[in-house]
Each structure stands twice: as C-alpha cells, then as structure tokens.
Amino acid sequence: VQLQASGGGLVQPGGSLRLSCHASGFASSTYAIGWFRQAPGKEREGVSCITTSDGTTYYSQSVKGQFTISRDNNNNVVYLQMTSLKPEDTAVYYCAAPSEVRVSIRHHLVPAEYDYWGQGTEVTVSS
C-alpha cells in the first residue's frame, strides 16, 4: 500500500494550497482517507477525513469552513483544498488510511484508527 501526499509548499497568509493524496496497492477499497498534520513540537492531529463509498466528510473544528476534502475514486486521489491559510496551519501534512479489512472506524480524526501512512508534505504559511 502506498499513500503519496503532494502539493505542499510555502504560501503567504491568506493564500491557498491544494494537497493531493494518491492511493495505490490496496487489495480492496479502504473505508476512508484522512488528512492529518503535525507541527514542530506538537502531536499529530486529525484535520479531515472522507469515506470512499459515499463521500461523507469530517473536519476538525480548527479547519471547518477553511479546508475542503474531496475524492476522485476513479483515480484513487483525495484532495485537501486549503484556503485562508494562517501561520498556525504550518505543519507537515499526512494522508492515511485504515486497513482494507476494517469496514468502518469509530473516530475519524484519531491517528490511532489509521494503519497506512504517507510520507507527508510540508506546508509553510509565512510572509
């Protein structure tokens, strides 16, 4: 299983970025794809999640209304559109997925629910 996150970079406050997560190698469909972030010196936190079957979305309170998650099932890609970026959004962003054997997860924004992780893409919001 591979999860390839991309799209990070340096952006000014108020700017936008779109992250992509390309998923491959699953024996069958995974239940969901989640986005997480980890800022220096902080714990990894859940940002957003989308279920692959019906597109149900979940957002942390800190990004609700600011980030939008979407999926392209045909191409096995999940996007995270980030707008109105703030310096506190600076972090390494990871996409992750639960094992294919799990038909659902209970806590969609908790890292421990996820079994596969991508390598991360760095987002820096600074003037």
C-alpha atoms as a PDB file:
ATOM      1  CA  VAL A   1       0.000   0.000   0.000  1.00  0.00           C
ATOM      2  CA  GLN A   2       1.261   3.431  -0.893  1.00  0.00           C
ATOM      3  CA  LEU A   3      -0.109   6.816   0.021  1.00  0.00           C
ATOM      4  CA  GLN A   4       1.650   9.640  -1.745  1.00  0.00           C
ATOM      5  CA  ALA A   5       0.947  13.126  -0.436  1.00  0.00           C
ATOM      6  CA  SER A   6       1.931  16.120  -2.524  1.00  0.00           C
ATOM      7  CA  GLY A   7       1.126  19.777  -3.086  1.00  0.00           C
ATOM      8  CA  GLY A   8       2.748  21.380  -0.088  1.00  0.00           C
ATOM      9  CA  GLY A   9       4.896  24.468  -0.220  1.00  0.00           C
ATOM     10  CA  LEU A  10       5.435  27.996   1.008  1.00  0.00           C
ATOM     11  CA  VAL A  11       2.404  30.274   0.899  1.00  0.00           C
ATOM     12  CA  GLN A  12       1.639  33.697   2.301  1.00  0.00           C
ATOM     13  CA  PRO A  13      -1.008  34.170   4.965  1.00  0.00           C
ATOM     14  CA  GLY A  14      -4.421  34.275   3.355  1.00  0.00           C
ATOM     15  CA  GLY A  15      -3.287  32.121   0.468  1.00  0.00           C
ATOM     16  CA  SER A  16      -4.471  28.728  -0.698  1.00  0.00           C
ATOM     17  CA  LEU A  17      -2.994  25.338  -1.438  1.00  0.00           C
ATOM     18  CA  ARG A  18      -4.414  22.075  -2.665  1.00  0.00           C
ATOM     19  CA  LEU A  19      -2.906  18.879  -1.340  1.00  0.00           C
ATOM     20  CA  SER A  20      -3.274  15.569  -3.141  1.00  0.00           C
ATOM     21  CA  CYS A  21      -3.116  12.045  -1.798  1.00  0.00           C
ATOM     22  CA  HIS A  22      -2.600   9.295  -4.367  1.00  0.00           C
ATOM     23  CA  ALA A  23      -3.502   5.866  -3.013  1.00  0.00           C
ATOM     24  CA  SER A  24      -2.366   2.607  -4.552  1.00  0.00           C
ATOM     25  CA  GLY A  25      -1.809  -1.027  -3.722  1.00  0.00           C
ATOM     26  CA  PHE A  26      -4.946  -1.690  -1.725  1.00  0.00           C
ATOM     27  CA  ALA A  27      -6.252  -5.235  -2.047  1.00  0.00           C
ATOM     28  CA  SER A  28      -9.741  -3.783  -1.855  1.00  0.00           C
ATOM     29  CA  SER A  29     -11.317  -0.426  -1.124  1.00  0.00           C
ATOM     30  CA  THR A  30     -10.279   1.254   2.058  1.00  0.00           C
ATOM     31  CA  TYR A  31     -13.063   2.684   4.182  1.00  0.00           C
ATOM     32  CA  ALA A  32     -11.723   6.226   4.270  1.00  0.00           C
ATOM     33  CA  ILE A  33      -8.799   8.517   3.659  1.00  0.00           C
ATOM     34  CA  GLY A  34      -7.824  11.002   6.329  1.00  0.00           C
ATOM     35  CA  TRP A  35      -5.600  14.050   6.412  1.00  0.00           C
ATOM     36  CA  PHE A  36      -3.506  14.791   9.474  1.00  0.00           C
ATOM     37  CA  ARG A  37      -0.905  17.374  10.307  1.00  0.00           C
ATOM     38  CA  GLN A  38       1.957  17.703  12.697  1.00  0.00           C
ATOM     39  CA  ALA A  39       3.538  20.996  13.582  1.00  0.00           C
ATOM     40  CA  PRO A  40       7.018  21.145  15.127  1.00  0.00           C
ATOM     41  CA  GLY A  41       6.893  20.159  18.772  1.00  0.00           C
ATOM     42  CA  LYS A  42       3.229  19.200  18.620  1.00  0.00           C
ATOM     43  CA  GLU A  43       1.314  15.980  18.401  1.00  0.00           C
ATOM     44  CA  ARG A  44      -0.168  14.774  15.147  1.00  0.00           C
ATOM     45  CA  GLU A  45      -3.752  15.966  14.813  1.00  0.00           C
ATOM     46  CA  GLY A  46      -6.612  14.953  12.578  1.00  0.00           C
ATOM     47  CA  VAL A  47      -7.676  17.576  10.060  1.00  0.00           C
ATOM     48  CA  SER A  48     -10.226  15.951   7.794  1.00  0.00           C
ATOM     49  CA  CYS A  49     -11.500  12.616   6.550  1.00  0.00           C
ATOM     50  CA  ILE A  50     -13.656  11.376   3.697  1.00  0.00           C
ATOM     51  CA  THR A  51     -15.280   7.991   3.324  1.00  0.00           C
ATOM     52  CA  THR A  52     -14.612   6.402  -0.016  1.00  0.00           C
ATOM     53  CA  SER A  53     -18.012   4.820  -0.502  1.00  0.00           C
ATOM     54  CA  ASP A  54     -20.396   7.724  -0.022  1.00  0.00           C
ATOM     55  CA  GLY A  55     -18.130  10.739   0.436  1.00  0.00           C
ATOM     56  CA  THR A  56     -19.121  11.561   3.996  1.00  0.00           C
ATOM     57  CA  THR A  57     -16.743  14.207   5.274  1.00  0.00           C
ATOM     58  CA  TYR A  58     -15.363  15.063   8.695  1.00  0.00           C
ATOM     59  CA  TYR A  59     -13.442  18.154   9.771  1.00  0.00           C
ATOM     60  CA  SER A  60     -11.710  19.274  12.904  1.00  0.00           C
ATOM     61  CA  GLN A  61     -13.123  22.401  14.466  1.00  0.00           C
ATOM     62  CA  SER A  62      -9.891  24.227  13.720  1.00  0.00           C
ATOM     63  CA  VAL A  63     -10.308  23.902   9.930  1.00  0.00           C
ATOM     64  CA  LYS A  64     -14.041  23.669   9.436  1.00  0.00           C
ATOM     65  CA  GLY A  65     -15.102  26.190   6.823  1.00  0.00           C
ATOM     66  CA  GLN A  66     -11.492  26.753   5.793  1.00  0.00           C
ATOM     67  CA  PHE A  67     -10.489  23.365   4.317  1.00  0.00           C
ATOM     68  CA  THR A  68     -12.455  21.166   1.927  1.00  0.00           C
ATOM     69  CA  ILE A  69     -11.795  17.482   1.359  1.00  0.00           C
ATOM     70  CA  SER A  70     -12.882  15.728  -1.816  1.00  0.00           C
ATOM     71  CA  ARG A  71     -12.212  12.487  -3.633  1.00  0.00           C
ATOM     72  CA  ASP A  72     -11.747  11.174  -7.139  1.00  0.00           C
ATOM     73  CA  ASN A  73     -12.444   7.472  -6.809  1.00  0.00           C
ATOM     74  CA  ASN A  74     -11.716   6.795 -10.468  1.00  0.00           C
ATOM     75  CA  ASN A  75      -8.138   7.922  -9.998  1.00  0.00           C
ATOM     76  CA  ASN A  76      -7.745   6.985  -6.318  1.00  0.00           C
ATOM     77  CA  VAL A  77      -6.957  10.546  -5.310  1.00  0.00           C
ATOM     78  CA  VAL A  78      -8.148  12.516  -2.297  1.00  0.00           C
ATOM     79  CA  TYR A  79      -7.695  16.276  -2.230  1.00  0.00           C
ATOM     80  CA  LEU A  80      -7.493  18.768   0.587  1.00  0.00           C
ATOM     81  CA  GLN A  81      -8.250  22.293  -0.555  1.00  0.00           C
ATOM     82  CA  MET A  82      -6.892  24.736   1.997  1.00  0.00           C
ATOM     83  CA  THR A  83      -7.911  28.384   1.913  1.00  0.00           C
ATOM     84  CA  SER A  84      -7.343  31.469   4.058  1.00  0.00           C
ATOM     85  CA  LEU A  85      -4.183  29.886   5.352  1.00  0.00           C
ATOM     86  CA  LYS A  86      -2.712  31.124   8.608  1.00  0.00           C
ATOM     87  CA  PRO A  87       0.741  30.725  10.125  1.00  0.00           C
ATOM     88  CA  GLU A  88      -0.720  28.232  12.597  1.00  0.00           C
ATOM     89  CA  ASP A  89      -1.570  25.947   9.657  1.00  0.00           C
ATOM     90  CA  THR A  90       2.150  25.405   9.152  1.00  0.00           C
ATOM     91  CA  ALA A  91       2.857  21.696   9.547  1.00  0.00           C
ATOM     92  CA  VAL A  92       3.731  18.514   7.742  1.00  0.00           C
ATOM     93  CA  TYR A  93       0.523  17.146   6.307  1.00  0.00           C
ATOM     94  CA  TYR A  94       0.000  13.403   6.034  1.00  0.00           C
ATOM     95  CA  CYS A  95      -2.673  11.315   4.423  1.00  0.00           C
ATOM     96  CA  ALA A  96      -3.587   7.981   5.919  1.00  0.00           C
ATOM     97  CA  ALA A  97      -5.969   5.083   5.524  1.00  0.00           C
ATOM     98  CA  PRO A  98      -7.303   2.292   7.702  1.00  0.00           C
ATOM     99  CA  SER A  99      -6.638  -1.281   6.721  1.00  0.00           C
ATOM    100  CA  GLU A 100      -8.897  -2.708   3.999  1.00  0.00           C
ATOM    101  CA  VAL A 101     -10.235  -5.298   6.461  1.00  0.00           C
ATOM    102  CA  ARG A 102     -11.902  -2.579   8.523  1.00  0.00           C
ATOM    103  CA  VAL A 103     -15.375  -1.800   7.225  1.00  0.00           C
ATOM    104  CA  SER A 104     -15.587   1.334   9.337  1.00  0.00           C
ATOM    105  CA  ILE A 105     -13.773   3.252  12.040  1.00  0.00           C
ATOM    106  CA  ARG A 106     -15.166   4.907  15.093  1.00  0.00           C
ATOM    107  CA  HIS A 107     -13.086   8.028  15.411  1.00  0.00           C
ATOM    108  CA  HIS A 108     -12.386   9.500  12.013  1.00  0.00           C
ATOM    109  CA  LEU A 109      -9.840  12.083  13.087  1.00  0.00           C
ATOM    110  CA  VAL A 110      -7.825   9.991  15.528  1.00  0.00           C
ATOM    111  CA  PRO A 111      -4.433   8.851  14.182  1.00  0.00           C
ATOM    112  CA  ALA A 112      -4.604   5.525  16.002  1.00  0.00           C
ATOM    113  CA  GLU A 113      -7.526   4.474  13.797  1.00  0.00           C
ATOM    114  CA  TYR A 114      -5.299   4.525  10.712  1.00  0.00           C
ATOM    115  CA  ASP A 115      -2.916   1.796   9.605  1.00  0.00           C
ATOM    116  CA  TYR A 116      -1.263   3.155   6.477  1.00  0.00           C
ATOM    117  CA  TRP A 117       0.524   6.484   6.274  1.00  0.00           C
ATOM    118  CA  GLY A 118       2.061   8.520   3.502  1.00  0.00           C
ATOM    119  CA  GLN A 119       5.378  10.300   3.775  1.00  0.00           C
ATOM    120  CA  GLY A 120       3.956  13.775   4.359  1.00  0.00           C
ATOM    121  CA  THR A 121       4.115  17.064   2.516  1.00  0.00           C
ATOM    122  CA  GLU A 122       5.275  20.246   4.193  1.00  0.00           C
ATOM    123  CA  VAL A 123       3.128  23.347   4.295  1.00  0.00           C
ATOM    124  CA  THR A 124       4.641  26.620   5.459  1.00  0.00           C
ATOM    125  CA  VAL A 125       2.478  29.701   5.846  1.00  0.00           C
ATOM    126  CA  SER A 126       4.658  32.749   6.212  1.00  0.00           C
ATOM    127  CA  SER A 127       5.130  36.218   4.827  1.00  0.00           C
END
